Amino acid sequence: KKGQMKGKSNFENKKSRSREPEEVVVDARIQQQIDSIMDAHASARGPSLMDQHKSKQEKEKEDKAKQGGKSSWTWNRNKDLDKGRRVDKDALQMIMGGAGGDLKTKFQGGYG
């Protein structure tokens, strides 16, 4: 028959647990040399980025605790909303004030 396998597949997706990592025995002198090389390499590199980040976060946390947990800047709606605007409100009103009347003369005034 077409489309059918002729034989039965013997594949089973199982992991074998019989393999355990073998322990390698290294001479004490060689192990000491390896350790000294690794220590020299680690000291030459300096702290990792994660260590630098953690120390920076701890320092910022301590500084914030010294200030009493409050920041020096507080947001005021009336002052701070207008502070970032770069438009002169009076000039804008003068320019846009008559726009409503002009638009009604050019376009139909009602909904239709």
N, C-alpha and C. Protein backbone atom coordinates (compact mmCIF):
# COMPACT_ATOMS: atom_id res chain seq x y z
N LYS A 1 0.84 -1.19 0.00
CA LYS A 1 0.00 0.00 0.00
C LYS A 1 0.87 1.23 0.00
N LYS A 2 0.38 2.27 -0.61
CA LYS A 2 1.15 3.50 -0.70
C LYS A 2 1.03 4.31 0.60
N GLY A 3 2.14 5.03 0.94
CA GLY A 3 2.11 5.95 2.06
C GLY A 3 2.34 5.31 3.42
N GLN A 4 2.50 4.00 3.48
CA GLN A 4 2.73 3.35 4.76
C GLN A 4 4.17 2.88 4.86
N MET A 5 4.69 2.90 6.07
CA MET A 5 6.07 2.46 6.26
C MET A 5 6.11 0.94 6.19
N LYS A 6 7.20 0.42 5.64
CA LYS A 6 7.32 -1.03 5.50
C LYS A 6 7.69 -1.70 6.81
N GLY A 7 8.54 -1.04 7.58
CA GLY A 7 8.96 -1.66 8.83
C GLY A 7 8.59 -0.79 10.02
N LYS A 8 8.71 -1.34 11.18
CA LYS A 8 8.40 -0.60 12.40
C LYS A 8 9.67 0.11 12.87
N SER A 9 9.55 1.37 13.22
CA SER A 9 10.70 2.13 13.69
C SER A 9 10.97 1.78 15.14
N ASN A 10 12.23 1.62 15.47
CA ASN A 10 12.61 1.25 16.83
C ASN A 10 13.12 2.45 17.63
N PHE A 11 12.91 3.68 17.12
CA PHE A 11 13.42 4.86 17.79
C PHE A 11 12.61 5.16 19.04
N GLU A 12 13.32 5.35 20.14
CA GLU A 12 12.69 5.76 21.39
C GLU A 12 13.48 6.94 21.93
N ASN A 13 12.79 8.00 22.24
CA ASN A 13 13.44 9.22 22.72
C ASN A 13 13.60 9.15 24.24
N LYS A 14 14.58 8.38 24.67
CA LYS A 14 14.84 8.24 26.10
C LYS A 14 16.28 8.62 26.36
N LYS A 15 16.50 9.28 27.48
CA LYS A 15 17.84 9.64 27.88
C LYS A 15 18.43 8.51 28.70
N SER A 16 19.67 8.19 28.40
CA SER A 16 20.32 7.14 29.18
C SER A 16 20.98 7.77 30.40
N ARG A 17 20.75 7.20 31.53
CA ARG A 17 21.29 7.74 32.77
C ARG A 17 22.54 6.98 33.21
N SER A 18 23.00 6.10 32.40
CA SER A 18 24.15 5.30 32.79
C SER A 18 25.45 6.07 32.72
N ARG A 19 25.48 7.15 31.93
CA ARG A 19 26.71 7.92 31.80
C ARG A 19 26.82 8.94 32.92
N GLU A 20 27.84 8.84 33.68
CA GLU A 20 28.13 9.81 34.72
C GLU A 20 29.46 10.46 34.39
N PRO A 21 29.61 11.74 34.69
CA PRO A 21 30.88 12.39 34.38
C PRO A 21 32.03 11.76 35.17
N GLU A 22 33.11 11.53 34.48
CA GLU A 22 34.26 10.92 35.13
C GLU A 22 35.08 12.01 35.81
N GLU A 23 35.55 11.71 36.99
CA GLU A 23 36.38 12.65 37.71
C GLU A 23 37.81 12.51 37.23
N VAL A 24 38.38 13.66 36.87
CA VAL A 24 39.75 13.66 36.38
C VAL A 24 40.67 13.99 37.55
N VAL A 25 41.64 13.14 37.76
CA VAL A 25 42.59 13.36 38.85
C VAL A 25 43.77 14.15 38.29
N VAL A 26 44.03 15.29 38.93
CA VAL A 26 45.11 16.16 38.49
C VAL A 26 46.15 16.23 39.60
N ASP A 27 47.39 16.24 39.19
CA ASP A 27 48.48 16.32 40.16
C ASP A 27 48.35 17.63 40.96
N ALA A 28 48.74 17.63 42.21
CA ALA A 28 48.59 18.78 43.10
C ALA A 28 49.38 19.98 42.60
N ARG A 29 50.59 19.75 42.06
CA ARG A 29 51.40 20.86 41.55
C ARG A 29 50.73 21.52 40.35
N ILE A 30 50.18 20.71 39.47
CA ILE A 30 49.51 21.25 38.28
C ILE A 30 48.25 22.00 38.69
N GLN A 31 47.50 21.45 39.63
CA GLN A 31 46.29 22.11 40.12
C GLN A 31 46.63 23.45 40.76
N GLN A 32 47.75 23.51 41.48
CA GLN A 32 48.18 24.76 42.10
C GLN A 32 48.54 25.79 41.03
N GLN A 33 49.20 25.37 39.97
CA GLN A 33 49.53 26.28 38.87
C GLN A 33 48.27 26.79 38.18
N ILE A 34 47.31 25.90 37.98
CA ILE A 34 46.04 26.28 37.34
C ILE A 34 45.33 27.32 38.21
N ASP A 35 45.29 27.09 39.51
CA ASP A 35 44.62 28.02 40.41
C ASP A 35 45.31 29.38 40.43
N SER A 36 46.64 29.39 40.41
CA SER A 36 47.36 30.68 40.43
C SER A 36 47.12 31.44 39.12
N ILE A 37 47.07 30.75 37.99
CA ILE A 37 46.80 31.40 36.71
C ILE A 37 45.38 31.97 36.70
N MET A 38 44.42 31.21 37.22
CA MET A 38 43.03 31.68 37.26
C MET A 38 42.89 32.89 38.18
N ASP A 39 43.60 32.89 39.31
CA ASP A 39 43.55 34.04 40.23
C ASP A 39 44.17 35.28 39.58
N ALA A 40 45.29 35.10 38.88
CA ALA A 40 45.93 36.23 38.21
C ALA A 40 45.02 36.80 37.13
N HIS A 41 44.36 35.93 36.42
CA HIS A 41 43.45 36.37 35.36
C HIS A 41 42.27 37.13 35.94
N ALA A 42 41.70 36.61 37.03
CA ALA A 42 40.54 37.27 37.65
C ALA A 42 40.92 38.64 38.22
N SER A 43 42.11 38.74 38.81
CA SER A 43 42.52 40.03 39.38
C SER A 43 42.86 41.04 38.28
N ALA A 44 43.35 40.57 37.12
CA ALA A 44 43.67 41.47 36.02
C ALA A 44 42.40 42.02 35.37
N ARG A 45 41.35 41.25 35.35
CA ARG A 45 40.11 41.68 34.72
C ARG A 45 39.34 42.67 35.57
N GLY A 46 39.42 42.56 36.85
CA GLY A 46 38.66 43.45 37.72
C GLY A 46 37.25 42.90 37.94
N PRO A 47 36.40 43.70 38.57
CA PRO A 47 35.05 43.22 38.86
C PRO A 47 34.22 43.09 37.58
N SER A 48 33.30 42.14 37.60
CA SER A 48 32.43 41.94 36.44
C SER A 48 31.40 43.06 36.36
N LEU A 49 30.72 43.15 35.23
CA LEU A 49 29.70 44.18 35.05
C LEU A 49 28.56 44.01 36.06
N MET A 50 28.22 42.76 36.36
CA MET A 50 27.16 42.53 37.35
C MET A 50 27.58 43.03 38.73
N ASP A 51 28.84 42.78 39.09
CA ASP A 51 29.33 43.25 40.39
C ASP A 51 29.34 44.78 40.43
N GLN A 52 29.76 45.41 39.34
CA GLN A 52 29.76 46.87 39.28
C GLN A 52 28.34 47.41 39.41
N HIS A 53 27.40 46.77 38.74
CA HIS A 53 26.00 47.22 38.79
C HIS A 53 25.44 47.07 40.20
N LYS A 54 25.71 45.94 40.84
CA LYS A 54 25.20 45.72 42.20
C LYS A 54 25.76 46.75 43.17
N SER A 55 27.07 47.04 43.05
CA SER A 55 27.66 48.02 43.97
C SER A 55 27.09 49.41 43.72
N LYS A 56 26.84 49.74 42.47
CA LYS A 56 26.25 51.04 42.15
C LYS A 56 24.83 51.15 42.72
N GLN A 57 24.05 50.07 42.58
CA GLN A 57 22.70 50.07 43.11
C GLN A 57 22.72 50.21 44.64
N GLU A 58 23.63 49.50 45.30
CA GLU A 58 23.73 49.60 46.76
C GLU A 58 24.11 51.01 47.20
N LYS A 59 25.04 51.64 46.47
CA LYS A 59 25.46 52.99 46.80
C LYS A 59 24.30 53.98 46.64
N GLU A 60 23.55 53.84 45.56
CA GLU A 60 22.40 54.72 45.35
C GLU A 60 21.34 54.52 46.43
N LYS A 61 21.17 53.27 46.83
CA LYS A 61 20.19 52.96 47.87
C LYS A 61 20.62 53.59 49.21
N GLU A 62 21.91 53.53 49.52
CA GLU A 62 22.41 54.13 50.75
C GLU A 62 22.27 55.65 50.70
N ASP A 63 22.57 56.25 49.56
CA ASP A 63 22.43 57.71 49.43
C ASP A 63 20.98 58.14 49.60
N LYS A 64 20.08 57.36 49.05
CA LYS A 64 18.65 57.68 49.17
C LYS A 64 18.19 57.54 50.63
N ALA A 65 18.74 56.53 51.33
CA ALA A 65 18.37 56.34 52.74
C ALA A 65 18.90 57.48 53.59
N LYS A 66 20.07 58.02 53.23
CA LYS A 66 20.61 59.16 53.99
C LYS A 66 19.75 60.41 53.82
N GLN A 67 19.12 60.55 52.65
CA GLN A 67 18.27 61.71 52.41
C GLN A 67 16.89 61.55 53.05
N GLY A 68 16.65 60.43 53.62
CA GLY A 68 15.37 60.20 54.27
C GLY A 68 14.34 59.60 53.33
N GLY A 69 14.78 59.11 52.19
CA GLY A 69 13.87 58.47 51.26
C GLY A 69 13.09 59.42 50.39
N LYS A 70 13.32 60.73 50.54
CA LYS A 70 12.56 61.69 49.75
C LYS A 70 13.48 62.34 48.73
N SER A 71 12.94 62.60 47.56
CA SER A 71 13.73 63.28 46.54
C SER A 71 13.60 64.78 46.71
N SER A 72 14.56 65.51 46.15
CA SER A 72 14.55 66.96 46.31
C SER A 72 13.58 67.63 45.35
N TRP A 73 13.15 66.93 44.29
CA TRP A 73 12.27 67.52 43.28
C TRP A 73 10.86 67.00 43.46
N THR A 74 9.91 67.90 43.49
CA THR A 74 8.50 67.52 43.53
C THR A 74 7.80 68.13 42.33
N TRP A 75 6.85 67.42 41.78
CA TRP A 75 6.17 67.85 40.58
C TRP A 75 4.96 68.70 40.94
N ASN A 76 4.87 69.88 40.32
CA ASN A 76 3.74 70.77 40.52
C ASN A 76 3.05 70.91 39.17
N ARG A 77 1.78 70.55 39.10
CA ARG A 77 1.06 70.53 37.83
C ARG A 77 1.04 71.89 37.16
N ASN A 78 0.71 72.92 37.90
CA ASN A 78 0.56 74.25 37.31
C ASN A 78 1.89 74.80 36.79
N LYS A 79 2.96 74.61 37.54
CA LYS A 79 4.25 75.13 37.10
C LYS A 79 4.89 74.25 36.03
N ASP A 80 4.92 72.95 36.26
CA ASP A 80 5.70 72.07 35.40
C ASP A 80 5.05 71.78 34.06
N LEU A 81 3.74 71.85 33.95
CA LEU A 81 3.11 71.67 32.64
C LEU A 81 3.45 72.83 31.71
N ASP A 82 3.45 74.03 32.23
CA ASP A 82 3.77 75.20 31.42
C ASP A 82 5.26 75.36 31.18
N LYS A 83 6.09 74.78 32.02
CA LYS A 83 7.53 74.96 31.92
C LYS A 83 8.10 74.39 30.62
N GLY A 84 7.58 73.24 30.17
CA GLY A 84 8.10 72.60 28.98
C GLY A 84 7.53 73.13 27.68
N ARG A 85 6.53 73.97 27.74
CA ARG A 85 5.90 74.47 26.52
C ARG A 85 6.74 75.56 25.89
N ARG A 86 6.81 75.52 24.56
CA ARG A 86 7.61 76.50 23.84
C ARG A 86 6.72 77.41 22.99
N VAL A 87 5.43 77.41 23.26
CA VAL A 87 4.48 78.20 22.48
C VAL A 87 4.00 79.36 23.34
N ASP A 88 4.02 80.53 22.76
CA ASP A 88 3.48 81.70 23.46
C ASP A 88 1.96 81.65 23.34
N LYS A 89 1.29 81.49 24.47
CA LYS A 89 -0.17 81.32 24.46
C LYS A 89 -0.89 82.54 23.90
N ASP A 90 -0.38 83.73 24.18
CA ASP A 90 -1.04 84.95 23.68
C ASP A 90 -0.92 85.03 22.16
N ALA A 91 0.27 84.73 21.64
CA ALA A 91 0.46 84.78 20.19
C ALA A 91 -0.37 83.70 19.50
N LEU A 92 -0.48 82.55 20.12
CA LEU A 92 -1.27 81.47 19.54
C LEU A 92 -2.75 81.85 19.50
N GLN A 93 -3.25 82.47 20.54
CA GLN A 93 -4.65 82.90 20.57
C GLN A 93 -4.91 83.97 19.51
N MET A 94 -3.96 84.85 19.32
CA MET A 94 -4.12 85.91 18.32
C MET A 94 -4.16 85.31 16.91
N ILE A 95 -3.33 84.30 16.66
CA ILE A 95 -3.29 83.67 15.34
C ILE A 95 -4.51 82.78 15.11
N MET A 96 -4.82 81.94 16.08
CA MET A 96 -5.87 80.94 15.92
C MET A 96 -7.25 81.47 16.30
N GLY A 97 -7.34 82.63 16.90
CA GLY A 97 -8.61 83.15 17.38
C GLY A 97 -9.65 83.32 16.28
N GLY A 98 -9.27 83.83 15.13
CA GLY A 98 -10.23 84.05 14.05
C GLY A 98 -10.38 82.86 13.12
N ALA A 99 -9.72 81.76 13.39
CA ALA A 99 -9.76 80.61 12.49
C ALA A 99 -11.15 80.00 12.44
N GLY A 100 -11.87 80.02 13.53
CA GLY A 100 -13.21 79.42 13.54
C GLY A 100 -14.15 80.12 12.58
N GLY A 101 -14.13 81.43 12.55
CA GLY A 101 -15.00 82.18 11.65
C GLY A 101 -14.61 81.99 10.19
N ASP A 102 -13.31 81.99 9.90
CA ASP A 102 -12.85 81.80 8.53
C ASP A 102 -13.21 80.42 8.00
N LEU A 103 -13.13 79.41 8.84
CA LEU A 103 -13.45 78.06 8.39
C LEU A 103 -14.95 77.94 8.06
N LYS A 104 -15.80 78.64 8.81
CA LYS A 104 -17.24 78.56 8.54
C LYS A 104 -17.60 79.21 7.22
N THR A 105 -16.85 80.21 6.80
CA THR A 105 -17.15 80.84 5.49
C THR A 105 -16.67 79.97 4.34
N LYS A 106 -15.62 79.18 4.55
CA LYS A 106 -15.10 78.35 3.46
C LYS A 106 -15.82 76.99 3.38
N PHE A 107 -16.28 76.48 4.47
CA PHE A 107 -16.93 75.17 4.51
C PHE A 107 -18.34 75.33 5.07
N GLN A 108 -19.15 74.31 4.87
CA GLN A 108 -20.53 74.35 5.37
C GLN A 108 -20.50 74.34 6.89
N GLY A 109 -21.26 75.19 7.51
CA GLY A 109 -21.22 75.37 8.95
C GLY A 109 -21.85 74.26 9.74
N GLY A 110 -22.80 73.52 9.20
CA GLY A 110 -23.50 72.51 9.98
C GLY A 110 -23.13 71.10 9.56
N TYR A 111 -23.73 70.16 10.26
CA TYR A 111 -23.52 68.76 9.91
C TYR A 111 -24.53 68.41 8.82
N GLY A 112 -24.11 67.70 7.82
CA GLY A 112 -25.12 67.45 6.82
C GLY A 112 -24.90 66.28 6.03
